[in-house]
Amino acid sequence: MLAIGAMAAAAPSSQASAVQDFAAQVWEQLPSGHALEAAVVLVPLGLAFLLYGFRMYRWLVVVAYAAVGAVAGLLAAQWIGFSGLVCGIVGAIVLGILAWPLHRLGWGLLGGGLFGAAAVALAGTAGVQGQVSLALIGTVAFLGGMLLTMLVMKPIIILVTSVLGASALAAGVVRLLELWPAVGDPVAAILRTKPYLPALAIGILAAVGLVLQVIDTGAAGRKKSREER
């Protein structure tokens, strides 16, 4: 993670800007896809995360690190002047493979990165200035977040996957309703006038998913314990 940040900082500004522009275009185009296509992807994915997120977390770590590896490979390719496609694929494969046996460390690094980024963002909002101060805050938050994520890995995984699953499921249902304007248009109008409703719906779904995952993982743990006896 730190190496990727170093490469990004070392890359020429025009190259880094090209990567950011490409990512922004992809992000902007995601909601504009056909409603049925979006729903077919989002609804099953949301249900899987919501109900079985903890069981899937190794695969989630692998996918996350494959994506990180692809970005790192693209940045490295632009820096050394080599094929971006080849470097991106190699980076995705290498980090994806390493993430499987090192999933616990990988999850900790992801958590640390999220904590560090959030801490720097909050510090900037609070008026903290200076690269040294922000770097120190980010480093402390990264290390603390990494340790916290590894120590309480199961609850955090269940919480994160429940929220992700609830968000994907809610978005998929809304996109699906677009296929029936008689229902979808009034729903869209309500969501525009009451923007707190999506957050409330996601919160309720996430709470349900969290409870179901706790029950599921507890039952799985008891079954494994009986089998070992």
C-alpha atoms as a PDB file:
ATOM      1  CA  MET A   1       0.000   0.000   0.000  1.00  0.00           C
ATOM      2  CA  LEU A   2       2.820   2.408   0.912  1.00  0.00           C
ATOM      3  CA  ALA A   3       4.714   1.422  -2.234  1.00  0.00           C
ATOM      4  CA  ILE A   4       1.683   2.240  -4.362  1.00  0.00           C
ATOM      5  CA  GLY A   5       1.415   5.631  -2.721  1.00  0.00           C
ATOM      6  CA  ALA A   6       5.105   6.249  -3.389  1.00  0.00           C
ATOM      7  CA  MET A   7       4.719   5.321  -7.054  1.00  0.00           C
ATOM      8  CA  ALA A   8       1.703   7.581  -7.380  1.00  0.00           C
ATOM      9  CA  ALA A   9       3.625  10.467  -5.833  1.00  0.00           C
ATOM     10  CA  ALA A  10       6.644   9.833  -8.031  1.00  0.00           C
ATOM     11  CA  ALA A  11       4.667   9.569 -11.269  1.00  0.00           C
ATOM     12  CA  PRO A  12       4.508  12.658 -13.494  1.00  0.00           C
ATOM     13  CA  SER A  13       1.465  14.811 -12.796  1.00  0.00           C
ATOM     14  CA  SER A  14       0.075  14.324 -16.311  1.00  0.00           C
ATOM     15  CA  GLN A  15       0.217  10.526 -15.939  1.00  0.00           C
ATOM     16  CA  ALA A  16      -1.376  10.535 -12.501  1.00  0.00           C
ATOM     17  CA  SER A  17      -4.053  12.879 -13.820  1.00  0.00           C
ATOM     18  CA  ALA A  18      -4.753  10.457 -16.685  1.00  0.00           C
ATOM     19  CA  VAL A  19      -5.313   7.606 -14.212  1.00  0.00           C
ATOM     20  CA  GLN A  20      -7.610   9.788 -12.084  1.00  0.00           C
ATOM     21  CA  ASP A  21      -9.574  10.925 -15.147  1.00  0.00           C
ATOM     22  CA  PHE A  22     -10.041   7.324 -16.290  1.00  0.00           C
ATOM     23  CA  ALA A  23     -11.253   6.248 -12.817  1.00  0.00           C
ATOM     24  CA  ALA A  24     -13.624   9.228 -12.693  1.00  0.00           C
ATOM     25  CA  GLN A  25     -15.095   8.349 -16.094  1.00  0.00           C
ATOM     26  CA  VAL A  26     -15.674   4.737 -15.044  1.00  0.00           C
ATOM     27  CA  TRP A  27     -17.324   5.862 -11.797  1.00  0.00           C
ATOM     28  CA  GLU A  28     -19.573   8.351 -13.601  1.00  0.00           C
ATOM     29  CA  GLN A  29     -20.673   5.770 -16.181  1.00  0.00           C
ATOM     30  CA  LEU A  30     -21.619   3.088 -13.647  1.00  0.00           C
ATOM     31  CA  PRO A  31     -25.058   4.563 -12.781  1.00  0.00           C
ATOM     32  CA  SER A  32     -25.858   5.258 -16.442  1.00  0.00           C
ATOM     33  CA  GLY A  33     -25.993   1.598 -17.481  1.00  0.00           C
ATOM     34  CA  HIS A  34     -29.234  -0.150 -18.331  1.00  0.00           C
ATOM     35  CA  ALA A  35     -31.440  -0.603 -15.278  1.00  0.00           C
ATOM     36  CA  LEU A  36     -31.864  -4.352 -15.774  1.00  0.00           C
ATOM     37  CA  GLU A  37     -28.134  -4.921 -16.235  1.00  0.00           C
ATOM     38  CA  ALA A  38     -27.350  -2.914 -13.109  1.00  0.00           C
ATOM     39  CA  ALA A  39     -30.020  -4.740 -11.080  1.00  0.00           C
ATOM     40  CA  VAL A  40     -28.835  -8.179 -12.253  1.00  0.00           C
ATOM     41  CA  VAL A  41     -25.368  -7.349 -10.922  1.00  0.00           C
ATOM     42  CA  LEU A  42     -26.232  -5.360  -7.804  1.00  0.00           C
ATOM     43  CA  VAL A  43     -29.073  -7.423  -6.301  1.00  0.00           C
ATOM     44  CA  PRO A  44     -27.316 -10.848  -6.191  1.00  0.00           C
ATOM     45  CA  LEU A  45     -24.033  -9.214  -5.171  1.00  0.00           C
ATOM     46  CA  GLY A  46     -25.772  -7.264  -2.420  1.00  0.00           C
ATOM     47  CA  LEU A  47     -27.529 -10.364  -1.102  1.00  0.00           C
ATOM     48  CA  ALA A  48     -24.277 -12.340  -1.126  1.00  0.00           C
ATOM     49  CA  PHE A  49     -22.441  -9.633   0.834  1.00  0.00           C
ATOM     50  CA  LEU A  50     -25.371  -9.097   3.171  1.00  0.00           C
ATOM     51  CA  LEU A  51     -25.862 -12.766   4.077  1.00  0.00           C
ATOM     52  CA  TYR A  52     -22.446 -14.373   3.586  1.00  0.00           C
ATOM     53  CA  GLY A  53     -19.955 -11.506   3.733  1.00  0.00           C
ATOM     54  CA  PHE A  54     -17.733 -13.076   6.378  1.00  0.00           C
ATOM     55  CA  ARG A  55     -17.541 -16.356   4.504  1.00  0.00           C
ATOM     56  CA  MET A  56     -16.542 -14.452   1.361  1.00  0.00           C
ATOM     57  CA  TYR A  57     -13.983 -12.138   2.903  1.00  0.00           C
ATOM     58  CA  ARG A  58     -10.925 -14.013   1.610  1.00  0.00           C
ATOM     59  CA  TRP A  59     -12.222 -13.579  -1.908  1.00  0.00           C
ATOM     60  CA  LEU A  60     -13.008  -9.931  -1.169  1.00  0.00           C
ATOM     61  CA  VAL A  61      -9.408  -9.370  -0.070  1.00  0.00           C
ATOM     62  CA  VAL A  62      -8.115 -11.095  -3.201  1.00  0.00           C
ATOM     63  CA  VAL A  63     -10.333  -8.984  -5.476  1.00  0.00           C
ATOM     64  CA  ALA A  64      -9.392  -5.788  -3.632  1.00  0.00           C
ATOM     65  CA  TYR A  65      -5.669  -6.512  -3.927  1.00  0.00           C
ATOM     66  CA  ALA A  66      -5.986  -7.554  -7.546  1.00  0.00           C
ATOM     67  CA  ALA A  67      -7.529  -4.140  -8.205  1.00  0.00           C
ATOM     68  CA  VAL A  68      -4.733  -2.446  -6.241  1.00  0.00           C
ATOM     69  CA  GLY A  69      -2.179  -4.468  -8.194  1.00  0.00           C
ATOM     70  CA  ALA A  70      -3.745  -3.438 -11.495  1.00  0.00           C
ATOM     71  CA  VAL A  71      -3.563   0.250 -10.536  1.00  0.00           C
ATOM     72  CA  ALA A  72       0.009  -0.169  -9.286  1.00  0.00           C
ATOM     73  CA  GLY A  73       0.951  -1.917 -12.515  1.00  0.00           C
ATOM     74  CA  LEU A  74      -0.602   0.878 -14.582  1.00  0.00           C
ATOM     75  CA  LEU A  75       1.298   3.529 -12.633  1.00  0.00           C
ATOM     76  CA  ALA A  76       4.545   1.547 -12.936  1.00  0.00           C
ATOM     77  CA  ALA A  77       3.999   1.110 -16.683  1.00  0.00           C
ATOM     78  CA  GLN A  78       3.569   4.846 -17.164  1.00  0.00           C
ATOM     79  CA  TRP A  79       6.665   5.515 -15.093  1.00  0.00           C
ATOM     80  CA  ILE A  80       8.947   3.025 -16.911  1.00  0.00           C
ATOM     81  CA  GLY A  81       7.338   3.473 -20.323  1.00  0.00           C
ATOM     82  CA  PHE A  82       6.099  -0.101 -20.762  1.00  0.00           C
ATOM     83  CA  SER A  83       2.756  -1.621 -21.769  1.00  0.00           C
ATOM     84  CA  GLY A  84       0.059  -0.575 -19.300  1.00  0.00           C
ATOM     85  CA  LEU A  85      -2.083  -3.615 -20.108  1.00  0.00           C
ATOM     86  CA  VAL A  86       0.731  -6.075 -19.417  1.00  0.00           C
ATOM     87  CA  CYS A  87       1.864  -4.361 -16.216  1.00  0.00           C
ATOM     88  CA  GLY A  88      -1.709  -4.031 -14.992  1.00  0.00           C
ATOM     89  CA  ILE A  89      -2.423  -7.723 -15.526  1.00  0.00           C
ATOM     90  CA  VAL A  90       0.860  -8.781 -13.910  1.00  0.00           C
ATOM     91  CA  GLY A  91       0.251  -6.510 -10.916  1.00  0.00           C
ATOM     92  CA  ALA A  92      -3.286  -7.832 -10.464  1.00  0.00           C
ATOM     93  CA  ILE A  93      -2.137 -11.471 -10.643  1.00  0.00           C
ATOM     94  CA  VAL A  94       0.820 -11.031  -8.289  1.00  0.00           C
ATOM     95  CA  LEU A  95      -1.049  -9.146  -5.560  1.00  0.00           C
ATOM     96  CA  GLY A  96      -4.153 -11.302  -5.985  1.00  0.00           C
ATOM     97  CA  ILE A  97      -2.127 -14.492  -5.464  1.00  0.00           C
ATOM     98  CA  LEU A  98      -0.228 -13.079  -2.478  1.00  0.00           C
ATOM     99  CA  ALA A  99      -3.452 -11.871  -0.846  1.00  0.00           C
ATOM    100  CA  TRP A 100      -4.874 -15.403  -0.506  1.00  0.00           C
ATOM    101  CA  PRO A 101      -2.344 -16.891   1.973  1.00  0.00           C
ATOM    102  CA  LEU A 102      -1.758 -13.478   3.572  1.00  0.00           C
ATOM    103  CA  HIS A 103      -5.457 -12.625   3.826  1.00  0.00           C
ATOM    104  CA  ARG A 104      -5.310 -11.580   7.482  1.00  0.00           C
ATOM    105  CA  LEU A 105      -2.404  -9.217   6.873  1.00  0.00           C
ATOM    106  CA  GLY A 106      -4.053  -8.072   3.655  1.00  0.00           C
ATOM    107  CA  TRP A 107      -7.280  -7.253   5.480  1.00  0.00           C
ATOM    108  CA  GLY A 108      -5.287  -5.392   8.110  1.00  0.00           C
ATOM    109  CA  LEU A 109      -3.532  -3.303   5.461  1.00  0.00           C
ATOM    110  CA  LEU A 110      -6.854  -2.480   3.819  1.00  0.00           C
ATOM    111  CA  GLY A 111      -8.315  -1.441   7.160  1.00  0.00           C
ATOM    112  CA  GLY A 112      -5.238   0.605   7.978  1.00  0.00           C
ATOM    113  CA  GLY A 113      -5.421   2.339   4.620  1.00  0.00           C
ATOM    114  CA  LEU A 114      -9.070   3.248   5.172  1.00  0.00           C
ATOM    115  CA  PHE A 115      -8.376   4.531   8.693  1.00  0.00           C
ATOM    116  CA  GLY A 116      -5.362   6.519   7.476  1.00  0.00           C
ATOM    117  CA  ALA A 117      -7.227   8.093   4.563  1.00  0.00           C
ATOM    118  CA  ALA A 118     -10.189   8.974   6.792  1.00  0.00           C
ATOM    119  CA  ALA A 119      -7.909  10.514   9.429  1.00  0.00           C
ATOM    120  CA  VAL A 120      -6.091  12.667   6.863  1.00  0.00           C
ATOM    121  CA  ALA A 121      -9.404  13.781   5.344  1.00  0.00           C
ATOM    122  CA  LEU A 122     -10.806  14.706   8.767  1.00  0.00           C
ATOM    123  CA  ALA A 123      -7.580  16.501   9.710  1.00  0.00           C
ATOM    124  CA  GLY A 124      -7.728  18.519   6.498  1.00  0.00           C
ATOM    125  CA  THR A 125     -11.355  19.409   7.168  1.00  0.00           C
ATOM    126  CA  ALA A 126     -10.397  20.500  10.693  1.00  0.00           C
ATOM    127  CA  GLY A 127      -7.806  22.895   9.274  1.00  0.00           C
ATOM    128  CA  VAL A 128      -4.608  20.920   9.924  1.00  0.00           C
ATOM    129  CA  GLN A 129      -1.966  22.030   7.434  1.00  0.00           C
ATOM    130  CA  GLY A 130       1.503  20.917   6.482  1.00  0.00           C
ATOM    131  CA  GLN A 131       2.580  17.718   4.787  1.00  0.00           C
ATOM    132  CA  VAL A 132       4.580  16.564   7.824  1.00  0.00           C
ATOM    133  CA  SER A 133       1.613  16.916  10.186  1.00  0.00           C
ATOM    134  CA  LEU A 134      -0.802  15.209   7.802  1.00  0.00           C
ATOM    135  CA  ALA A 135       1.710  12.428   7.108  1.00  0.00           C
ATOM    136  CA  LEU A 136       2.178  11.850  10.845  1.00  0.00           C
ATOM    137  CA  ILE A 137      -1.585  11.734  11.443  1.00  0.00           C
ATOM    138  CA  GLY A 138      -2.040   9.378   8.497  1.00  0.00           C
ATOM    139  CA  THR A 139       0.756   7.073   9.651  1.00  0.00           C
ATOM    140  CA  VAL A 140      -0.521   6.823  13.223  1.00  0.00           C
ATOM    141  CA  ALA A 141      -4.074   6.209  12.001  1.00  0.00           C
ATOM    142  CA  PHE A 142      -2.827   3.639   9.481  1.00  0.00           C
ATOM    143  CA  LEU A 143      -0.912   1.638  12.110  1.00  0.00           C
ATOM    144  CA  GLY A 144      -3.716   1.886  14.663  1.00  0.00           C
ATOM    145  CA  GLY A 145      -6.349   0.961  12.098  1.00  0.00           C
ATOM    146  CA  MET A 146      -4.285  -1.971  10.867  1.00  0.00           C
ATOM    147  CA  LEU A 147      -3.866  -3.397  14.381  1.00  0.00           C
ATOM    148  CA  LEU A 148      -7.531  -2.800  15.235  1.00  0.00           C
ATOM    149  CA  THR A 149      -8.698  -4.426  12.010  1.00  0.00           C
ATOM    150  CA  MET A 150      -6.564  -7.516  12.628  1.00  0.00           C
ATOM    151  CA  LEU A 151      -7.503  -7.834  16.308  1.00  0.00           C
ATOM    152  CA  VAL A 152     -11.266  -7.520  15.820  1.00  0.00           C
ATOM    153  CA  MET A 153     -11.317  -8.856  12.281  1.00  0.00           C
ATOM    154  CA  LYS A 154     -14.570 -10.813  12.404  1.00  0.00           C
ATOM    155  CA  PRO A 155     -16.879  -8.035  13.711  1.00  0.00           C
ATOM    156  CA  ILE A 156     -15.385  -5.471  11.327  1.00  0.00           C
ATOM    157  CA  ILE A 157     -15.723  -7.804   8.335  1.00  0.00           C
ATOM    158  CA  ILE A 158     -19.341  -8.527   9.221  1.00  0.00           C
ATOM    159  CA  LEU A 159     -20.082  -4.805   9.675  1.00  0.00           C
ATOM    160  CA  VAL A 160     -18.342  -3.718   6.465  1.00  0.00           C
ATOM    161  CA  THR A 161     -19.843  -6.451   4.288  1.00  0.00           C
ATOM    162  CA  SER A 162     -23.303  -5.829   5.762  1.00  0.00           C
ATOM    163  CA  VAL A 163     -23.127  -2.137   4.847  1.00  0.00           C
ATOM    164  CA  LEU A 164     -21.715  -2.879   1.382  1.00  0.00           C
ATOM    165  CA  GLY A 165     -24.345  -5.539   0.774  1.00  0.00           C
ATOM    166  CA  ALA A 166     -27.178  -3.301   1.963  1.00  0.00           C
ATOM    167  CA  SER A 167     -25.978  -0.449  -0.250  1.00  0.00           C
ATOM    168  CA  ALA A 168     -25.698  -2.670  -3.332  1.00  0.00           C
ATOM    169  CA  LEU A 169     -29.065  -4.305  -2.694  1.00  0.00           C
ATOM    170  CA  ALA A 170     -30.849  -0.986  -2.173  1.00  0.00           C
ATOM    171  CA  ALA A 171     -29.277   0.477  -5.318  1.00  0.00           C
ATOM    172  CA  GLY A 172     -30.204  -2.630  -7.308  1.00  0.00           C
ATOM    173  CA  VAL A 173     -33.834  -2.508  -6.174  1.00  0.00           C
ATOM    174  CA  VAL A 174     -34.095   1.186  -7.075  1.00  0.00           C
ATOM    175  CA  ARG A 175     -32.641   0.492 -10.538  1.00  0.00           C
ATOM    176  CA  LEU A 176     -35.023  -2.438 -10.955  1.00  0.00           C
ATOM    177  CA  LEU A 177     -38.005  -0.207 -10.183  1.00  0.00           C
ATOM    178  CA  GLU A 178     -36.998   2.006 -13.104  1.00  0.00           C
ATOM    179  CA  LEU A 179     -38.305  -0.746 -15.389  1.00  0.00           C
ATOM    180  CA  TRP A 180     -41.819  -0.078 -14.039  1.00  0.00           C
ATOM    181  CA  PRO A 181     -42.326   3.694 -14.306  1.00  0.00           C
ATOM    182  CA  ALA A 182     -45.725   3.473 -12.591  1.00  0.00           C
ATOM    183  CA  VAL A 183     -43.885   2.448  -9.432  1.00  0.00           C
ATOM    184  CA  GLY A 184     -40.361   3.673 -10.076  1.00  0.00           C
ATOM    185  CA  ASP A 185     -41.248   7.313 -10.819  1.00  0.00           C
ATOM    186  CA  PRO A 186     -43.177   7.889  -7.532  1.00  0.00           C
ATOM    187  CA  VAL A 187     -40.382   6.145  -5.601  1.00  0.00           C
ATOM    188  CA  ALA A 188     -37.750   8.330  -7.284  1.00  0.00           C
ATOM    189  CA  ALA A 189     -39.795  11.440  -6.480  1.00  0.00           C
ATOM    190  CA  ILE A 190     -40.056  10.439  -2.811  1.00  0.00           C
ATOM    191  CA  LEU A 191     -36.308   9.762  -2.619  1.00  0.00           C
ATOM    192  CA  ARG A 192     -35.576  13.204  -4.106  1.00  0.00           C
ATOM    193  CA  THR A 193     -37.789  15.003  -1.589  1.00  0.00           C
ATOM    194  CA  LYS A 194     -36.683  12.863   1.378  1.00  0.00           C
ATOM    195  CA  PRO A 195     -32.959  12.107   0.887  1.00  0.00           C
ATOM    196  CA  TYR A 196     -32.664  10.554   4.333  1.00  0.00           C
ATOM    197  CA  LEU A 197     -34.802   7.580   3.302  1.00  0.00           C
ATOM    198  CA  PRO A 198     -32.046   5.762   1.330  1.00  0.00           C
ATOM    199  CA  ALA A 199     -29.693   6.022   4.315  1.00  0.00           C
ATOM    200  CA  LEU A 200     -32.448   4.754   6.611  1.00  0.00           C
ATOM    201  CA  ALA A 201     -33.226   1.824   4.295  1.00  0.00           C
ATOM    202  CA  ILE A 202     -29.548   0.912   4.001  1.00  0.00           C
ATOM    203  CA  GLY A 203     -29.164   1.116   7.774  1.00  0.00           C
ATOM    204  CA  ILE A 204     -32.112  -1.222   8.367  1.00  0.00           C
ATOM    205  CA  LEU A 205     -30.901  -3.706   5.744  1.00  0.00           C
ATOM    206  CA  ALA A 206     -27.359  -3.583   7.130  1.00  0.00           C
ATOM    207  CA  ALA A 207     -28.648  -4.253  10.660  1.00  0.00           C
ATOM    208  CA  VAL A 208     -30.622  -7.271   9.418  1.00  0.00           C
ATOM    209  CA  GLY A 209     -27.616  -8.560   7.505  1.00  0.00           C
ATOM    210  CA  LEU A 210     -25.355  -8.064  10.514  1.00  0.00           C
ATOM    211  CA  VAL A 211     -27.680 -10.098  12.748  1.00  0.00           C
ATOM    212  CA  LEU A 212     -28.033 -12.864  10.154  1.00  0.00           C
ATOM    213  CA  GLN A 213     -24.270 -13.059   9.635  1.00  0.00           C
ATOM    214  CA  VAL A 214     -23.645 -13.261  13.373  1.00  0.00           C
ATOM    215  CA  ILE A 215     -26.158 -16.107  13.632  1.00  0.00           C
ATOM    216  CA  ASP A 216     -24.703 -17.840  10.562  1.00  0.00           C
ATOM    217  CA  THR A 217     -21.075 -17.607  11.677  1.00  0.00           C
ATOM    218  CA  GLY A 218     -22.008 -18.698  15.194  1.00  0.00           C
ATOM    219  CA  ALA A 219     -23.830 -21.760  13.869  1.00  0.00           C
ATOM    220  CA  ALA A 220     -20.929 -22.561  11.550  1.00  0.00           C
ATOM    221  CA  GLY A 221     -18.493 -22.280  14.438  1.00  0.00           C
ATOM    222  CA  ARG A 222     -20.546 -24.618  16.633  1.00  0.00           C
ATOM    223  CA  LYS A 223     -20.837 -27.169  13.800  1.00  0.00           C
ATOM    224  CA  LYS A 224     -17.084 -27.093  13.223  1.00  0.00           C
ATOM    225  CA  SER A 225     -16.470 -27.542  16.946  1.00  0.00           C
ATOM    226  CA  ARG A 226     -18.762 -30.615  17.056  1.00  0.00           C
ATOM    227  CA  GLU A 227     -17.013 -32.118  14.024  1.00  0.00           C
ATOM    228  CA  GLU A 228     -13.602 -31.687  15.629  1.00  0.00           C
ATOM    229  CA  ARG A 229     -14.808 -33.611  18.660  1.00  0.00           C
END
